[in-house]
Structures are given as structure tokens and as C-alpha cells.
Amino acid sequence: MLFIDANIYLGFYRTVTTSKLLRSLIEFKHDILVTQQVVSEVERNKLKVVHRLLLEIVEALPVTRKSDLPDLLQNPELLERLERLQEACDQVQESVESAVVSALTQISHSTDAVSQMLKPIFESAIPASEDELDRARMRRELGHPPGKGRDPLGDQLSWEQVLSRIEPGSHVWVVSKDSDFLLCHNGHCVLDPSLHDDLLSRGKSMAQIHPFGSLVEALKHYQQVTGFCSDSFPTEEECETITQEERRIEEIWKKQRDFPLGGTR
């Protein structure tokens, strides 16, 4: 079983190198546990995630104008060149703004490439049972991870659904960037102690849990264990590029604590 947290799926909307990885994920969809809660979180946050990314791009465009130059640089030749440059920059910015509106509209209508590629994965989303809802509410009331007590039911519900479906002796991959699920140090991830206790208390001790903060590494390990390999899985060079993208996103996420990648905290 592969359980992939919403923040990982949302990462596809922020990167430019992961489309091949997403194609591989579709090949593994038969082993992916998708909860309706995860799908809801992705749908609820994807527009904000993309808007944040596009704002970063727009704000990075050059905006130097003649009025920004000190008197020492106010010479006719430089001013003329700067004026031509600014005209070109204005045209680029106008084109970018138009593209931003188009991209946001596609995201809003779920007609963008990522939303379309996620469809075959999300179409099998599993609704929570009343028992799972009750257990998730109790988990939140007691302040047990994952999730925060002040937030609506989210990660608590997904975790209860994971627990309901783990079979003794099975392999379960938990892929998340959320510290409520796992902690990673130098690329090695461990499950939160409370979640590990959940497995023991429910007789799931024979299950082998593999926590990962990187989808690339998780899918590599999944293929090694299961022997089911994707023909479209990225090459080592492409995996390294994707990993670098993931690290870049991680740095942005750390700097923007008020707007984490998943948009749910």
C-alpha cells in the first residue's frame, strides 16, 4: 500500500520536472490508497499553491525604470537604452500576466495537465466510514497526531483509513512532508512514535512501514520491494533533477511558514 499525503500531490503543481514521475505514479495506482480527504485537500489548496508560485515569478521580473537611477547615471545613451529595455520588459510582463490568468483559470476548472493526470489516481478515492470518522474525531479531541486539534478533520481521518486497511505482513509506504506523520534527518525518515504505537495497539505489528519524505525515493524503494517496475520511471539523472526541485520547494516551504506547501496548516 502506498499512502501519499496531500502536500506531495500539491508539489506536482509547483514543479516543472515531475510530469514523468506522475506518469509512473499512474502505473502504480492499483497500490495507492487515496482517501477522499486527501483529494479534498488537494482540490481545496491547489489554486492557492499555484497562485503563490506564479506571484513569485511575476515579482521576479525586472522592473528598473529611469526614475530609479541616481543622478550620476543619468546620461542620454543609458536612459535611451533603459527606456527600450523597459518597453520590452513591459511587453513580457503583459504576456506573463495573461499567461497567469490563463493558468489560474485552468486550475480552477481542473483542465490543467496535472489535474488531468491525477484524475485516474483520484477517481478511486475511498470515503470514510462512520467508525473511522468517530475514531478521527476522538484522535483530534485527544490531541493525537497526525493533524492539529484546532484544524478540521483531515490527516486524522486519512490515518484512520490507512489503519483500517493495513494487513499483517504487508508493506506500507507513507510519503509525506508533514512532521505530524514522520521526521526526516539527512534523508532518513522515521514514523512519529504515536503512529507507530497505533500500529502496535491494533495488531498491525507485523506490517512493514516505510516512511519517506521524497516521492522519488519512495517509488524507487517500492519498485525494489515489489518487483513491479514502471517503464516510464525517470532515469537516475532525471531523478536527481526532480530531487533538486523537491529540495527547492522544501526551502520555499520553510521560509513561508504562514503558507506551507500543503496549505493546511
Protein backbone atom coordinates (compact mmCIF):
# COMPACT_ATOMS: atom_id res chain seq x y z
CA MET A 1 0.00 0.00 0.00
CA LEU A 2 1.20 3.47 -0.91
CA PHE A 3 -0.24 6.34 1.13
CA ILE A 4 0.72 9.72 -0.30
CA ASP A 5 -0.13 12.84 1.68
CA ALA A 6 -1.86 15.83 0.08
CA ASN A 7 1.26 18.00 0.30
CA ILE A 8 3.10 15.58 -2.02
CA TYR A 9 0.36 15.74 -4.65
CA LEU A 10 0.31 19.54 -4.37
CA GLY A 11 4.02 19.52 -5.13
CA PHE A 12 3.22 18.49 -8.69
CA TYR A 13 1.64 21.90 -9.21
CA ARG A 14 4.81 23.70 -8.16
CA THR A 15 7.45 21.84 -10.15
CA VAL A 16 8.45 21.71 -13.80
CA THR A 17 10.28 18.39 -13.83
CA THR A 18 7.86 15.91 -12.25
CA SER A 19 5.44 15.10 -15.08
CA LYS A 20 7.32 11.88 -15.87
CA LEU A 21 7.18 10.90 -12.20
CA LEU A 22 3.43 11.50 -12.24
CA ARG A 23 3.08 9.22 -15.27
CA SER A 24 4.86 6.48 -13.32
CA LEU A 25 2.58 7.05 -10.36
CA ILE A 26 -0.42 6.31 -12.56
CA GLU A 27 1.09 2.89 -13.34
CA PHE A 28 1.21 2.15 -9.59
CA LYS A 29 -2.31 3.38 -8.87
CA HIS A 30 -3.58 -0.12 -8.01
CA ASP A 31 -1.44 0.00 -4.83
CA ILE A 32 -2.16 3.62 -3.90
CA LEU A 33 -4.59 4.28 -1.07
CA VAL A 34 -6.34 7.55 -1.88
CA THR A 35 -8.77 8.93 0.66
CA GLN A 36 -11.49 11.40 -0.17
CA GLN A 37 -9.98 13.67 2.46
CA VAL A 38 -6.66 13.83 0.60
CA VAL A 39 -8.45 14.59 -2.67
CA SER A 40 -10.46 17.31 -0.92
CA GLU A 41 -7.29 18.90 0.48
CA VAL A 42 -5.62 18.91 -2.93
CA GLU A 43 -8.68 20.39 -4.64
CA ARG A 44 -9.09 22.98 -1.88
CA ASN A 45 -5.48 24.16 -1.95
CA LYS A 46 -4.15 23.70 -5.49
CA LEU A 47 -5.31 27.10 -6.74
CA LYS A 48 -3.65 28.89 -3.81
CA VAL A 49 -0.45 26.90 -4.27
CA VAL A 50 -0.23 27.76 -7.98
CA HIS A 51 -1.13 31.40 -7.36
CA ARG A 52 1.67 31.68 -4.81
CA LEU A 53 4.16 30.20 -7.27
CA LEU A 54 3.08 32.48 -10.09
CA LEU A 55 3.29 35.55 -7.86
CA GLU A 56 6.92 34.64 -7.13
CA ILE A 57 7.60 34.52 -10.88
CA VAL A 58 5.86 37.83 -11.59
CA GLU A 59 7.64 39.58 -8.71
CA ALA A 60 11.00 38.37 -10.04
CA LEU A 61 10.53 40.16 -13.37
CA PRO A 62 12.83 43.19 -13.94
CA VAL A 63 11.18 46.50 -13.08
CA THR A 64 14.07 49.02 -13.20
CA ARG A 65 12.94 52.38 -14.58
CA LYS A 66 14.68 55.62 -15.46
CA SER A 67 13.41 57.22 -12.29
CA ASP A 68 15.25 54.56 -10.25
CA LEU A 69 18.68 55.70 -11.45
CA PRO A 70 20.80 58.05 -9.33
CA ASP A 71 21.87 61.38 -10.86
CA LEU A 72 25.38 60.05 -11.55
CA LEU A 73 23.94 57.58 -14.08
CA GLN A 74 21.55 59.97 -15.79
CA ASN A 75 23.19 60.15 -19.25
CA PRO A 76 21.24 60.23 -22.55
CA GLU A 77 22.65 56.99 -24.01
CA LEU A 78 21.93 54.94 -20.90
CA LEU A 79 18.48 56.43 -20.49
CA GLU A 80 17.61 55.60 -24.11
CA ARG A 81 18.75 52.01 -23.72
CA LEU A 82 16.91 51.67 -20.44
CA GLU A 83 13.74 53.01 -22.00
CA ARG A 84 13.92 50.40 -24.79
CA LEU A 85 14.61 47.70 -22.23
CA GLN A 86 11.67 48.80 -20.14
CA GLU A 87 9.35 48.70 -23.14
CA ALA A 88 10.43 45.11 -23.80
CA CYS A 89 10.02 44.23 -20.11
CA ASP A 90 6.54 45.74 -20.08
CA GLN A 91 5.57 43.58 -23.05
CA VAL A 92 6.98 40.48 -21.33
CA GLN A 93 5.16 41.31 -18.12
CA GLU A 94 1.92 41.78 -20.01
CA SER A 95 2.37 38.37 -21.64
CA VAL A 96 3.22 36.77 -18.29
CA GLU A 97 0.17 38.31 -16.61
CA SER A 98 -2.02 36.96 -19.40
CA ALA A 99 -0.46 33.51 -19.00
CA VAL A 100 -1.02 33.68 -15.22
CA VAL A 101 -4.73 34.36 -15.70
CA SER A 102 -4.95 31.50 -18.19
CA ALA A 103 -3.14 29.09 -15.86
CA LEU A 104 -5.29 30.02 -12.86
CA THR A 105 -8.43 29.56 -14.94
CA GLN A 106 -7.30 26.09 -15.99
CA ILE A 107 -6.55 25.16 -12.39
CA SER A 108 -9.94 26.49 -11.32
CA HIS A 109 -11.65 24.33 -13.95
CA SER A 110 -9.29 21.36 -13.34
CA THR A 111 -8.43 21.32 -17.05
CA ASP A 112 -4.69 21.78 -16.44
CA ALA A 113 -2.25 18.96 -17.19
CA VAL A 114 -1.57 17.99 -13.56
CA SER A 115 -5.24 17.83 -12.58
CA GLN A 116 -5.97 15.73 -15.63
CA MET A 117 -3.12 13.32 -14.87
CA LEU A 118 -4.24 12.98 -11.25
CA LYS A 119 -7.77 12.01 -12.31
CA PRO A 120 -7.12 8.28 -12.78
CA ILE A 121 -5.49 8.19 -9.34
CA PHE A 122 -8.13 10.25 -7.55
CA GLU A 123 -11.11 8.50 -9.12
CA SER A 124 -10.62 5.59 -6.71
CA ALA A 125 -10.74 7.80 -3.60
CA ILE A 126 -12.24 5.96 -0.63
CA PRO A 127 -14.86 7.63 1.59
CA ALA A 128 -14.53 7.31 5.36
CA SER A 129 -16.85 5.04 7.30
CA GLU A 130 -18.78 6.25 10.33
CA ASP A 131 -16.45 4.26 12.57
CA GLU A 132 -13.40 5.87 11.00
CA LEU A 133 -15.00 9.31 11.42
CA ASP A 134 -15.65 8.62 15.11
CA ARG A 135 -12.09 7.46 15.68
CA ALA A 136 -10.71 10.50 13.83
CA ARG A 137 -12.83 12.84 15.97
CA MET A 138 -11.56 11.14 19.14
CA ARG A 139 -7.97 11.43 17.84
CA ARG A 140 -8.42 15.16 17.34
CA GLU A 141 -10.10 15.64 20.73
CA LEU A 142 -7.22 13.85 22.49
CA GLY A 143 -4.64 15.83 20.51
CA HIS A 144 -3.06 12.74 18.98
CA PRO A 145 -1.19 13.12 15.67
CA PRO A 146 -1.46 13.47 12.81
CA GLY A 147 -3.26 16.79 12.39
CA LYS A 148 -3.86 19.69 14.76
CA GLY A 149 -6.70 19.93 17.25
CA ARG A 150 -7.67 23.40 16.02
CA ASP A 151 -7.99 22.26 12.40
CA PRO A 152 -10.91 20.48 10.74
CA LEU A 153 -10.67 16.71 10.47
CA GLY A 154 -8.06 15.95 7.86
CA ASP A 155 -4.91 13.95 8.47
CA GLN A 156 -6.58 12.22 11.43
CA LEU A 157 -9.23 10.81 9.13
CA SER A 158 -6.79 9.69 6.45
CA TRP A 159 -4.63 7.93 9.03
CA GLU A 160 -7.62 6.06 10.44
CA GLN A 161 -8.42 4.89 6.92
CA VAL A 162 -4.83 3.72 6.49
CA LEU A 163 -5.00 1.79 9.77
CA SER A 164 -8.25 0.13 8.70
CA ARG A 165 -6.63 -1.30 5.58
CA ILE A 166 -3.21 -2.43 6.74
CA GLU A 167 -2.84 -6.19 6.59
CA PRO A 168 -0.38 -8.09 8.83
CA GLY A 169 2.87 -8.66 6.99
CA SER A 170 2.11 -6.11 4.30
CA HIS A 171 4.42 -3.33 3.15
CA VAL A 172 3.09 0.21 3.60
CA TRP A 173 4.80 3.32 2.24
CA VAL A 174 3.88 6.60 3.95
CA VAL A 175 5.03 9.56 1.86
CA SER A 176 4.65 12.98 3.43
CA LYS A 177 6.47 16.23 4.22
CA ASP A 178 4.33 16.73 7.31
CA SER A 179 6.14 16.33 10.65
CA ASP A 180 2.87 15.04 12.13
CA PHE A 181 3.47 11.86 10.14
CA LEU A 182 7.23 11.47 10.16
CA LEU A 183 10.59 13.04 10.89
CA CYS A 184 13.44 13.08 8.38
CA HIS A 185 17.13 13.53 9.10
CA ASN A 186 19.75 13.52 6.34
CA GLY A 187 17.36 11.72 4.02
CA HIS A 188 16.37 9.04 6.53
CA CYS A 189 12.77 9.20 7.77
CA VAL A 190 11.11 7.63 10.81
CA LEU A 191 7.44 7.38 11.69
CA ASP A 192 6.03 9.50 14.52
CA PRO A 193 6.10 7.44 17.77
CA SER A 194 2.34 7.85 18.32
CA LEU A 195 1.61 6.48 14.86
CA HIS A 196 3.96 3.57 15.47
CA ASP A 197 2.08 2.87 18.72
CA ASP A 198 -1.17 2.89 16.72
CA LEU A 199 0.16 0.03 14.64
CA LEU A 200 1.16 -1.98 17.68
CA SER A 201 -2.08 -1.37 19.58
CA ARG A 202 -4.19 -2.52 16.64
CA GLY A 203 -2.28 -5.69 15.99
CA LYS A 204 -0.50 -4.32 12.93
CA SER A 205 2.97 -5.00 14.31
CA MET A 206 3.83 -7.43 11.51
CA ALA A 207 3.26 -4.77 8.85
CA GLN A 208 6.40 -3.19 7.44
CA ILE A 209 6.08 0.59 7.34
CA HIS A 210 8.39 2.58 5.07
CA PRO A 211 8.26 6.35 5.77
CA PHE A 212 9.58 8.69 3.08
CA GLY A 213 9.69 12.46 2.68
CA SER A 214 10.57 12.13 -1.01
CA LEU A 215 8.22 10.58 -3.55
CA VAL A 216 11.14 9.75 -5.85
CA GLU A 217 12.90 7.74 -3.16
CA ALA A 218 9.65 6.12 -2.04
CA LEU A 219 8.85 4.90 -5.56
CA LYS A 220 12.39 3.62 -6.04
CA HIS A 221 12.07 1.57 -2.87
CA TYR A 222 8.55 0.44 -3.79
CA GLN A 223 9.83 -0.97 -7.10
CA GLN A 224 12.73 -2.75 -5.38
CA VAL A 225 10.42 -4.42 -2.85
CA THR A 226 7.51 -5.29 -5.13
CA GLY A 227 9.44 -6.03 -8.30
CA PHE A 228 6.82 -4.04 -10.23
CA CYS A 229 8.74 -1.52 -12.30
CA SER A 230 7.44 1.36 -14.36
CA ASP A 231 8.60 1.69 -17.95
CA SER A 232 8.20 5.45 -17.67
CA PHE A 233 10.07 5.89 -14.38
CA PRO A 234 12.60 8.72 -14.61
CA THR A 235 16.25 7.96 -15.25
CA GLU A 236 18.82 8.50 -12.48
CA GLU A 237 19.70 11.87 -13.99
CA GLU A 238 16.03 12.87 -14.14
CA CYS A 239 15.52 11.65 -10.57
CA GLU A 240 18.35 13.88 -9.42
CA THR A 241 16.76 16.86 -11.16
CA ILE A 242 13.41 16.06 -9.53
CA THR A 243 15.12 15.71 -6.14
CA GLN A 244 16.69 19.14 -6.58
CA GLU A 245 13.24 20.53 -7.37
CA GLU A 246 11.85 18.90 -4.23
CA ARG A 247 14.64 20.48 -2.17
CA ARG A 248 13.92 23.89 -3.69
CA ILE A 249 10.26 23.53 -2.75
CA GLU A 250 11.26 22.44 0.74
CA GLU A 251 13.33 25.61 1.17
CA ILE A 252 10.46 27.79 -0.03
CA TRP A 253 8.12 25.96 2.35
CA LYS A 254 10.47 26.54 5.30
CA LYS A 255 10.68 30.25 4.54
CA GLN A 256 6.90 30.59 4.25
CA ARG A 257 5.63 29.10 7.48
CA ASP A 258 2.43 31.12 7.08
CA PHE A 259 1.73 29.32 3.80
CA PRO A 260 3.12 25.77 3.83
CA LEU A 261 3.20 23.60 0.75
CA GLY A 262 0.08 21.74 1.67
CA GLY A 263 -1.78 24.92 2.61
CA THR A 264 -3.43 23.07 5.50
CA ARG A 265 -1.54 24.42 8.50
